[in-house]
PDB file of N, CA and C in Angstrom:
ATOM      1  N   MET A   1     -11.051 -25.788 -30.102  1.00  0.00           N
ATOM      2  CA  MET A   1     -11.724 -27.381 -29.866  1.00  0.00           C
ATOM      3  C   MET A   1     -12.983 -27.506 -30.863  1.00  0.00           C
ATOM      4  N   ARG A   2     -13.540 -26.554 -30.788  1.00  0.00           N
ATOM      5  CA  ARG A   2     -14.457 -27.024 -31.853  1.00  0.00           C
ATOM      6  C   ARG A   2     -14.211 -27.250 -33.378  1.00  0.00           C
ATOM      7  N   LEU A   3     -13.005 -26.535 -33.743  1.00  0.00           N
ATOM      8  CA  LEU A   3     -12.230 -27.026 -35.033  1.00  0.00           C
ATOM      9  C   LEU A   3     -11.780 -28.320 -35.246  1.00  0.00           C
ATOM     10  N   LYS A   4     -11.390 -28.753 -33.781  1.00  0.00           N
ATOM     11  CA  LYS A   4     -10.742 -29.885 -33.723  1.00  0.00           C
ATOM     12  C   LYS A   4     -11.698 -31.312 -33.872  1.00  0.00           C
ATOM     13  N   ALA A   5     -12.659 -31.102 -33.006  1.00  0.00           N
ATOM     14  CA  ALA A   5     -14.237 -31.687 -32.961  1.00  0.00           C
ATOM     15  C   ALA A   5     -14.455 -31.883 -34.166  1.00  0.00           C
ATOM     16  N   ALA A   6     -14.945 -30.549 -35.089  1.00  0.00           N
ATOM     17  CA  ALA A   6     -15.290 -31.002 -36.171  1.00  0.00           C
ATOM     18  C   ALA A   6     -14.314 -31.507 -37.261  1.00  0.00           C
ATOM     19  N   GLY A   7     -13.085 -31.973 -36.844  1.00  0.00           N
ATOM     20  CA  GLY A   7     -12.538 -32.643 -38.017  1.00  0.00           C
ATOM     21  C   GLY A   7     -11.673 -31.832 -38.827  1.00  0.00           C
ATOM     22  N   GLU A   8     -11.451 -30.650 -38.395  1.00  0.00           N
ATOM     23  CA  GLU A   8     -10.394 -29.919 -39.054  1.00  0.00           C
ATOM     24  C   GLU A   8      -9.167 -29.842 -38.745  1.00  0.00           C
ATOM     25  N   GLN A   9      -8.292 -29.863 -39.147  1.00  0.00           N
ATOM     26  CA  GLN A   9      -6.581 -30.047 -38.607  1.00  0.00           C
ATOM     27  C   GLN A   9      -6.016 -28.826 -39.428  1.00  0.00           C
ATOM     28  N   HIS A  10      -5.030 -28.499 -38.562  1.00  0.00           N
ATOM     29  CA  HIS A  10      -4.410 -27.255 -38.712  1.00  0.00           C
ATOM     30  C   HIS A  10      -2.776 -27.738 -39.510  1.00  0.00           C
ATOM     31  N   ARG A  11      -2.518 -26.768 -40.176  1.00  0.00           N
ATOM     32  CA  ARG A  11      -0.864 -26.693 -40.745  1.00  0.00           C
ATOM     33  C   ARG A  11      -0.049 -27.340 -39.661  1.00  0.00           C
ATOM     34  N   PRO A  12       1.738 -27.395 -39.827  1.00  0.00           N
ATOM     35  CA  PRO A  12       2.480 -27.326 -38.383  1.00  0.00           C
ATOM     36  C   PRO A  12       2.058 -26.319 -37.290  1.00  0.00           C
ATOM     37  N   VAL A  13       2.377 -26.586 -36.576  1.00  0.00           N
ATOM     38  CA  VAL A  13       2.494 -25.588 -35.202  1.00  0.00           C
ATOM     39  C   VAL A  13       3.578 -24.422 -35.382  1.00  0.00           C
ATOM     40  N   GLU A  14       3.346 -23.521 -35.506  1.00  0.00           N
ATOM     41  CA  GLU A  14       4.697 -22.440 -35.266  1.00  0.00           C
ATOM     42  C   GLU A  14       4.637 -21.959 -33.867  1.00  0.00           C
ATOM     43  N   GLY A  15       5.903 -21.626 -33.397  1.00  0.00           N
ATOM     44  CA  GLY A  15       6.229 -20.949 -32.526  1.00  0.00           C
ATOM     45  C   GLY A  15       6.251 -21.817 -31.392  1.00  0.00           C
ATOM     46  N   ALA A  16       5.621 -22.984 -30.866  1.00  0.00           N
ATOM     47  CA  ALA A  16       5.417 -24.076 -30.223  1.00  0.00           C
ATOM     48  C   ALA A  16       6.943 -23.979 -29.175  1.00  0.00           C
ATOM     49  N   ASP A  17       8.054 -24.082 -30.041  1.00  0.00           N
ATOM     50  CA  ASP A  17       9.353 -24.494 -29.690  1.00  0.00           C
ATOM     51  C   ASP A  17       9.766 -23.177 -28.488  1.00  0.00           C
ATOM     52  N   LEU A  18       9.168 -21.794 -28.711  1.00  0.00           N
ATOM     53  CA  LEU A  18       9.387 -20.731 -27.794  1.00  0.00           C
ATOM     54  C   LEU A  18       8.325 -20.523 -26.887  1.00  0.00           C
ATOM     55  N   GLY A  19       7.080 -20.446 -27.694  1.00  0.00           N
ATOM     56  CA  GLY A  19       5.982 -20.364 -26.749  1.00  0.00           C
ATOM     57  C   GLY A  19       5.651 -18.989 -26.142  1.00  0.00           C
ATOM     58  N   TRP A  20       6.228 -17.835 -27.302  1.00  0.00           N
ATOM     59  CA  TRP A  20       6.008 -16.444 -26.971  1.00  0.00           C
ATOM     60  C   TRP A  20       4.657 -16.229 -27.774  1.00  0.00           C
ATOM     61  N   TRP A  21       4.839 -17.232 -28.937  1.00  0.00           N
ATOM     62  CA  TRP A  21       3.457 -16.491 -29.755  1.00  0.00           C
ATOM     63  C   TRP A  21       3.272 -17.982 -30.899  1.00  0.00           C
ATOM     64  N   ILE A  22       2.187 -18.422 -30.482  1.00  0.00           N
ATOM     65  CA  ILE A  22       2.085 -19.912 -31.296  1.00  0.00           C
ATOM     66  C   ILE A  22       1.074 -19.380 -32.035  1.00  0.00           C
ATOM     67  N   LEU A  23       1.490 -19.962 -33.568  1.00  0.00           N
ATOM     68  CA  LEU A  23      -0.022 -19.570 -34.819  1.00  0.00           C
ATOM     69  C   LEU A  23      -0.312 -21.373 -34.587  1.00  0.00           C
ATOM     70  N   LEU A  24      -1.718 -21.360 -35.250  1.00  0.00           N
ATOM     71  CA  LEU A  24      -2.435 -22.404 -35.544  1.00  0.00           C
ATOM     72  C   LEU A  24      -2.896 -21.871 -37.044  1.00  0.00           C
ATOM     73  N   ASP A  25      -2.496 -22.308 -37.995  1.00  0.00           N
ATOM     74  CA  ASP A  25      -3.310 -22.274 -39.199  1.00  0.00           C
ATOM     75  C   ASP A  25      -4.368 -23.574 -39.779  1.00  0.00           C
ATOM     76  N   TYR A  26      -5.451 -22.892 -39.610  1.00  0.00           N
ATOM     77  CA  TYR A  26      -6.225 -23.712 -40.544  1.00  0.00           C
ATOM     78  C   TYR A  26      -6.820 -23.410 -41.844  1.00  0.00           C
ATOM     79  N   GLY A  27      -6.329 -22.509 -42.394  1.00  0.00           N
ATOM     80  CA  GLY A  27      -6.323 -22.273 -43.870  1.00  0.00           C
ATOM     81  C   GLY A  27      -7.202 -21.034 -43.854  1.00  0.00           C
ATOM     82  N   ASP A  28      -8.995 -21.058 -43.688  1.00  0.00           N
ATOM     83  CA  ASP A  28      -9.890 -19.887 -43.413  1.00  0.00           C
ATOM     84  C   ASP A  28      -9.512 -19.048 -42.131  1.00  0.00           C
ATOM     85  N   VAL A  29      -9.044 -19.774 -40.924  1.00  0.00           N
ATOM     86  CA  VAL A  29      -8.850 -19.480 -39.650  1.00  0.00           C
ATOM     87  C   VAL A  29      -7.631 -19.350 -39.308  1.00  0.00           C
ATOM     88  N   ILE A  30      -6.930 -18.497 -38.557  1.00  0.00           N
ATOM     89  CA  ILE A  30      -5.719 -18.492 -37.959  1.00  0.00           C
ATOM     90  C   ILE A  30      -5.763 -18.011 -36.978  1.00  0.00           C
ATOM     91  N   VAL A  31      -5.317 -18.984 -35.744  1.00  0.00           N
ATOM     92  CA  VAL A  31      -5.006 -19.128 -34.024  1.00  0.00           C
ATOM     93  C   VAL A  31      -4.362 -18.217 -34.211  1.00  0.00           C
ATOM     94  N   HIS A  32      -3.715 -17.378 -33.236  1.00  0.00           N
ATOM     95  CA  HIS A  32      -2.790 -16.869 -32.721  1.00  0.00           C
ATOM     96  C   HIS A  32      -2.745 -16.976 -31.033  1.00  0.00           C
ATOM     97  N   ILE A  33      -1.962 -17.159 -30.914  1.00  0.00           N
ATOM     98  CA  ILE A  33      -1.900 -17.571 -29.075  1.00  0.00           C
ATOM     99  C   ILE A  33      -0.623 -16.827 -28.494  1.00  0.00           C
ATOM    100  N   LEU A  34      -0.897 -15.496 -27.888  1.00  0.00           N
ATOM    101  CA  LEU A  34       0.430 -14.763 -27.606  1.00  0.00           C
ATOM    102  C   LEU A  34       0.708 -14.838 -25.932  1.00  0.00           C
ATOM    103  N   GLN A  35       1.499 -14.831 -25.315  1.00  0.00           N
ATOM    104  CA  GLN A  35       2.077 -14.767 -24.017  1.00  0.00           C
ATOM    105  C   GLN A  35       1.902 -12.983 -23.836  1.00  0.00           C
ATOM    106  N   PRO A  36       1.263 -12.991 -22.384  1.00  0.00           N
ATOM    107  CA  PRO A  36       1.239 -11.342 -22.054  1.00  0.00           C
ATOM    108  C   PRO A  36       1.964 -10.362 -22.870  1.00  0.00           C
ATOM    109  N   ASP A  37       3.137 -10.438 -22.224  1.00  0.00           N
ATOM    110  CA  ASP A  37       4.362  -9.569 -22.986  1.00  0.00           C
ATOM    111  C   ASP A  37       4.381  -9.760 -24.383  1.00  0.00           C
ATOM    112  N   ALA A  38       4.320 -10.629 -25.128  1.00  0.00           N
ATOM    113  CA  ALA A  38       4.414 -10.705 -26.707  1.00  0.00           C
ATOM    114  C   ALA A  38       2.667  -9.870 -27.386  1.00  0.00           C
ATOM    115  N   ARG A  39       1.972 -10.155 -26.366  1.00  0.00           N
ATOM    116  CA  ARG A  39       0.467  -9.468 -27.075  1.00  0.00           C
ATOM    117  C   ARG A  39       1.074  -8.115 -26.740  1.00  0.00           C
ATOM    118  N   GLU A  40       1.474  -7.241 -25.589  1.00  0.00           N
ATOM    119  CA  GLU A  40       1.676  -5.839 -25.375  1.00  0.00           C
ATOM    120  C   GLU A  40       2.500  -5.398 -26.469  1.00  0.00           C
ATOM    121  N   TYR A  41       3.507  -6.300 -26.723  1.00  0.00           N
ATOM    122  CA  TYR A  41       4.836  -5.923 -27.405  1.00  0.00           C
ATOM    123  C   TYR A  41       4.248  -5.597 -28.962  1.00  0.00           C
ATOM    124  N   TYR A  42       3.500  -6.582 -29.169  1.00  0.00           N
ATOM    125  CA  TYR A  42       3.212  -6.596 -30.735  1.00  0.00           C
ATOM    126  C   TYR A  42       2.121  -5.859 -31.055  1.00  0.00           C
ATOM    127  N   ASP A  43       1.191  -5.530 -30.059  1.00  0.00           N
ATOM    128  CA  ASP A  43       0.307  -4.654 -29.878  1.00  0.00           C
ATOM    129  C   ASP A  43      -0.703  -4.677 -31.189  1.00  0.00           C
ATOM    130  N   LEU A  44      -1.364  -6.113 -31.724  1.00  0.00           N
ATOM    131  CA  LEU A  44      -1.641  -6.280 -32.891  1.00  0.00           C
ATOM    132  C   LEU A  44      -3.124  -5.627 -32.750  1.00  0.00           C
ATOM    133  N   ASP A  45      -3.767  -5.540 -31.789  1.00  0.00           N
ATOM    134  CA  ASP A  45      -5.202  -4.686 -31.426  1.00  0.00           C
ATOM    135  C   ASP A  45      -5.260  -3.470 -31.762  1.00  0.00           C
ATOM    136  N   ASN A  46      -3.874  -2.776 -31.623  1.00  0.00           N
ATOM    137  CA  ASN A  46      -3.984  -1.224 -32.066  1.00  0.00           C
ATOM    138  C   ASN A  46      -3.588  -1.365 -33.463  1.00  0.00           C
ATOM    139  N   LEU A  47      -2.620  -2.344 -33.976  1.00  0.00           N
ATOM    140  CA  LEU A  47      -2.553  -2.376 -35.433  1.00  0.00           C
ATOM    141  C   LEU A  47      -3.611  -2.836 -36.483  1.00  0.00           C
ATOM    142  N   TYR A  48      -4.426  -3.316 -35.771  1.00  0.00           N
ATOM    143  CA  TYR A  48      -6.032  -3.806 -36.521  1.00  0.00           C
ATOM    144  C   TYR A  48      -6.851  -3.033 -36.107  1.00  0.00           C
ATOM    145  N   GLY A  49      -6.508  -2.088 -35.265  1.00  0.00           N
ATOM    146  CA  GLY A  49      -7.840  -0.994 -34.808  1.00  0.00           C
ATOM    147  C   GLY A  49      -8.677  -0.838 -35.359  1.00  0.00           C
ATOM    148  N   GLU A  50      -8.317  -0.342 -36.949  1.00  0.00           N
ATOM    149  CA  GLU A  50      -9.245   0.224 -37.308  1.00  0.00           C
ATOM    150  C   GLU A  50     -10.296  -0.813 -38.540  1.00  0.00           C
ATOM    151  N   CYS A  51      -9.724  -2.106 -38.614  1.00  0.00           N
ATOM    152  CA  CYS A  51     -10.264  -2.715 -39.441  1.00  0.00           C
ATOM    153  C   CYS A  51     -12.089  -3.275 -38.884  1.00  0.00           C
ATOM    154  N   ASP A  52     -12.496  -3.677 -39.774  1.00  0.00           N
ATOM    155  CA  ASP A  52     -14.195  -4.226 -38.900  1.00  0.00           C
ATOM    156  C   ASP A  52     -13.916  -5.084 -38.369  1.00  0.00           C
ATOM    157  N   GLU A  53     -14.612  -4.957 -37.292  1.00  0.00           N
ATOM    158  CA  GLU A  53     -14.870  -6.174 -35.921  1.00  0.00           C
ATOM    159  C   GLU A  53     -16.060  -7.297 -36.613  1.00  0.00           C
ATOM    160  N   LEU A  54     -15.680  -8.513 -36.207  1.00  0.00           N
ATOM    161  CA  LEU A  54     -16.799  -9.170 -36.437  1.00  0.00           C
ATOM    162  C   LEU A  54     -17.077 -10.035 -35.165  1.00  0.00           C
ATOM    163  N   ASP A  55     -18.134 -10.205 -34.834  1.00  0.00           N
ATOM    164  CA  ASP A  55     -19.000 -10.570 -33.419  1.00  0.00           C
ATOM    165  C   ASP A  55     -19.073 -11.872 -33.451  1.00  0.00           C
ATOM    166  N   TRP A  56     -17.540 -12.546 -33.466  1.00  0.00           N
ATOM    167  CA  TRP A  56     -17.877 -13.881 -33.321  1.00  0.00           C
ATOM    168  C   TRP A  56     -18.517 -14.626 -32.823  1.00  0.00           C
ATOM    169  N   ARG A  57     -19.066 -14.210 -31.455  1.00  0.00           N
ATOM    170  CA  ARG A  57     -19.907 -14.900 -30.281  1.00  0.00           C
ATOM    171  C   ARG A  57     -21.482 -14.932 -30.793  1.00  0.00           C
ATOM    172  N   SER A  58     -21.982 -14.346 -31.855  1.00  0.00           N
ATOM    173  CA  SER A  58     -23.306 -14.126 -32.597  1.00  0.00           C
ATOM    174  C   SER A  58     -23.538 -15.044 -33.526  1.00  0.00           C
ATOM    175  N   ILE A  59     -22.192 -15.870 -34.293  1.00  0.00           N
ATOM    176  CA  ILE A  59     -22.442 -16.732 -35.097  1.00  0.00           C
ATOM    177  C   ILE A  59     -23.242 -17.443 -34.228  1.00  0.00           C
ATOM    178  N   GLU A  60     -23.777 -18.631 -35.178  1.00  0.00           N
ATOM    179  CA  GLU A  60     -24.620 -19.574 -34.523  1.00  0.00           C
ATOM    180  C   GLU A  60     -23.953 -20.746 -35.679  1.00  0.00           C
ATOM    181  N   LEU A  61     -23.098 -21.655 -34.650  1.00  0.00           N
ATOM    182  CA  LEU A  61     -22.343 -22.556 -35.097  1.00  0.00           C
ATOM    183  C   LEU A  61     -23.086 -24.498 -35.412  1.00  0.00           C
ATOM    184  N   PRO A  62     -22.577 -24.746 -36.154  1.00  0.00           N
ATOM    185  CA  PRO A  62     -23.385 -26.267 -36.243  1.00  0.00           C
ATOM    186  C   PRO A  62     -23.456 -26.921 -35.191  1.00  0.00           C
ATOM    187  N   GLU A  63     -24.207 -28.003 -34.720  1.00  0.00           N
ATOM    188  CA  GLU A  63     -23.803 -28.864 -34.157  1.00  0.00           C
ATOM    189  C   GLU A  63     -22.619 -29.788 -34.118  1.00  0.00           C
ATOM    190  N   ILE A  64     -21.919 -29.996 -33.172  1.00  0.00           N
ATOM    191  CA  ILE A  64     -20.957 -31.167 -33.312  1.00  0.00           C
ATOM    192  C   ILE A  64     -21.363 -32.400 -32.829  1.00  0.00           C
ATOM    193  N   PRO A  65     -21.247 -33.876 -33.142  1.00  0.00           N
ATOM    194  CA  PRO A  65     -21.816 -35.130 -32.937  1.00  0.00           C
ATOM    195  C   PRO A  65     -20.803 -35.399 -31.444  1.00  0.00           C
ATOM    196  N   ASN A  66     -21.699 -35.750 -30.629  1.00  0.00           N
ATOM    197  CA  ASN A  66     -21.067 -36.224 -29.489  1.00  0.00           C
ATOM    198  C   ASN A  66     -20.085 -37.610 -29.636  1.00  0.00           C
ATOM    199  N   PRO A  67     -19.158 -38.035 -29.733  1.00  0.00           N
ATOM    200  CA  PRO A  67     -18.843 -39.575 -30.241  1.00  0.00           C
ATOM    201  C   PRO A  67     -19.030 -39.917 -29.085  1.00  0.00           C
ATOM    202  N   LEU A  68     -19.257 -40.052 -27.709  1.00  0.00           N
ATOM    203  CA  LEU A  68     -19.547 -40.690 -26.572  1.00  0.00           C
ATOM    204  C   LEU A  68     -20.677 -41.015 -26.374  1.00  0.00           C
ATOM    205  N   PHE A  69     -21.807 -40.229 -26.940  1.00  0.00           N
ATOM    206  CA  PHE A  69     -23.211 -40.437 -26.892  1.00  0.00           C
ATOM    207  C   PHE A  69     -23.688 -41.061 -27.842  1.00  0.00           C
ATOM    208  N   ASN A  70     -22.906 -41.473 -28.890  1.00  0.00           N
ATOM    209  CA  ASN A  70     -23.252 -42.157 -30.564  1.00  0.00           C
ATOM    210  C   ASN A  70     -22.979 -43.503 -30.731  1.00  0.00           C
ATOM    211  N   GLN A  71     -22.567 -44.378 -29.569  1.00  0.00           N
ATOM    212  CA  GLN A  71     -21.829 -45.479 -29.606  1.00  0.00           C
ATOM    213  C   GLN A  71     -23.042 -46.601 -29.301  1.00  0.00           C
TER     214      GLN A  71
END
């Protein structure tokens, strides 16, 4: 939602037809949306378990202007 609000656009959505695994590719950021069964089947958390983790919650994000208040 913040990416969209910041004006970022993703490439065409992949996997929406089945809804099992949906991929949104923003170039530098790729968003994976998986159904619980798909998440368990592919086990991406274990596959990438040895990689460094990014604490994305601690990253300070720029303010996104709210167009409702800028009228």
